Protein backbone atom coordinates (compact mmCIF):
# COMPACT_ATOMS: atom_id res chain seq x y z
CA UNK A 1 0.08 0.20 0.05
CA UNK A 2 1.68 3.27 -0.77
CA UNK A 3 2.38 5.63 1.52
CA UNK A 4 -0.25 8.87 2.20
CA UNK A 5 1.11 11.81 1.04
CA UNK A 6 2.36 14.33 3.82
CA UNK A 7 2.51 18.23 3.65
CA UNK A 8 5.19 20.12 3.63
CA UNK A 9 4.76 20.83 7.43
CA UNK A 10 3.68 17.47 8.58
CA UNK A 11 7.29 16.02 7.26
CA UNK A 12 8.89 19.29 8.92
CA UNK A 13 7.88 18.00 12.19
CA UNK A 14 8.71 14.73 11.73
CA UNK A 15 12.27 15.48 10.85
CA UNK A 16 12.46 18.14 13.85
CA UNK A 17 11.47 14.98 16.19
CA UNK A 18 13.99 13.34 14.83
CA UNK A 19 16.70 15.65 15.45
CA UNK A 20 17.01 17.65 12.10
CA UNK A 21 16.56 21.10 14.00
CA UNK A 22 19.54 23.35 11.92
CA UNK A 23 17.66 25.55 9.00
CA UNK A 24 20.84 25.52 6.70
CA UNK A 25 21.04 28.51 4.50
CA UNK A 26 22.94 29.28 1.67
CA UNK A 27 25.63 31.95 1.96
CA UNK A 28 28.42 32.95 -0.51
CA UNK A 29 28.48 29.46 -1.86
CA UNK A 30 28.74 27.78 1.46
CA UNK A 31 25.87 26.30 3.81
CA UNK A 32 25.49 27.71 7.03
CA UNK A 33 23.72 26.78 10.58
CA UNK A 34 23.05 30.27 12.20
CA UNK A 35 21.76 28.68 15.22
CA UNK A 36 25.22 26.94 16.12
CA UNK A 37 27.28 29.25 13.99
CA UNK A 38 28.52 26.30 12.20
CA UNK A 39 29.29 26.82 8.17
CA UNK A 40 29.92 23.90 6.10
CA UNK A 41 31.19 23.05 2.48
CA UNK A 42 29.54 20.48 0.21
CA UNK A 43 31.89 17.96 1.17
CA UNK A 44 31.09 17.99 5.04
CA UNK A 45 27.01 17.23 4.44
CA UNK A 46 25.17 13.91 3.04
CA UNK A 47 21.64 14.41 2.11
CA UNK A 48 19.52 11.49 4.11
CA UNK A 49 16.44 11.94 2.06
CA UNK A 50 15.03 14.12 -0.60
CA UNK A 51 10.93 15.36 -0.05
CA UNK A 52 9.39 16.72 -3.39
CA UNK A 53 6.09 18.79 -2.72
CA UNK A 54 3.78 19.88 -5.58
CA UNK A 55 1.16 21.78 -5.32
CA UNK A 56 -2.59 20.86 -5.15
CA UNK A 57 -4.48 23.82 -7.04
CA UNK A 58 -1.20 25.73 -8.02
CA UNK A 59 1.96 24.93 -9.90
CA UNK A 60 3.71 27.24 -8.42
CA UNK A 61 3.49 25.95 -4.89
CA UNK A 62 6.42 23.08 -5.59
CA UNK A 63 9.34 22.86 -3.07
CA UNK A 64 11.90 20.45 -2.47
CA UNK A 65 13.16 19.74 1.07
CA UNK A 66 16.23 18.31 1.86
CA UNK A 67 16.99 16.11 5.35
CA UNK A 68 20.75 16.52 5.77
CA UNK A 69 23.42 15.58 8.34
CA UNK A 70 27.33 16.82 8.94
CA UNK A 71 30.19 15.18 9.31
CA UNK A 72 30.13 16.82 13.08
CA UNK A 73 26.92 15.28 13.83
CA UNK A 74 24.78 18.50 12.77
CA UNK A 75 21.01 17.49 11.44
CA UNK A 76 19.08 20.09 9.58
CA UNK A 77 17.19 20.71 6.62
CA UNK A 78 17.53 22.92 3.32
CA UNK A 79 14.15 23.79 1.88
CA UNK A 80 14.22 24.86 -2.04
CA UNK A 81 11.81 26.10 -4.44
CA UNK A 82 11.64 24.24 -7.78
CA UNK A 83 10.59 25.18 -11.53
CA UNK A 84 9.77 28.57 -11.99
CA UNK A 85 11.05 29.61 -8.38
CA UNK A 86 13.88 27.64 -8.30
CA UNK A 87 16.96 29.01 -6.46
CA UNK A 88 19.48 28.09 -8.68
CA UNK A 89 22.25 28.39 -6.24
CA UNK A 90 20.83 26.09 -4.14
CA UNK A 91 20.89 23.81 -6.79
CA UNK A 92 23.75 23.82 -7.89
CA UNK A 93 25.28 23.37 -3.80
CA UNK A 94 23.30 20.32 -3.22
CA UNK A 95 24.82 18.59 -6.96
CA UNK A 96 27.71 18.83 -4.87
CA UNK A 97 26.69 16.93 -1.67
CA UNK A 98 26.46 13.21 -1.60
CA UNK A 99 23.39 11.42 -1.32
CA UNK A 100 23.39 8.70 1.77
CA UNK A 101 24.00 5.47 0.36
């Protein structure tokens, strides 16, 4: 039986409960966790899981959420739009981050 589709908020709450508590931001080609004052290169991170969301009524409401963990144990999320509103900088840097195998 297929898994029931979850909303972005539901997935965020689930991940927060599993310790993904940092909101990673892209600045100057590096990934920052402002809450902890940490900065990471793509090689320092692993993508644990990718979630894609499509708006039911509006195709502009498309986003992708990355559950990410760092080499020092920091876990967090990166959210980007995709399609027309995609942030090319996030897309480019996430191509350099390895997927957990």
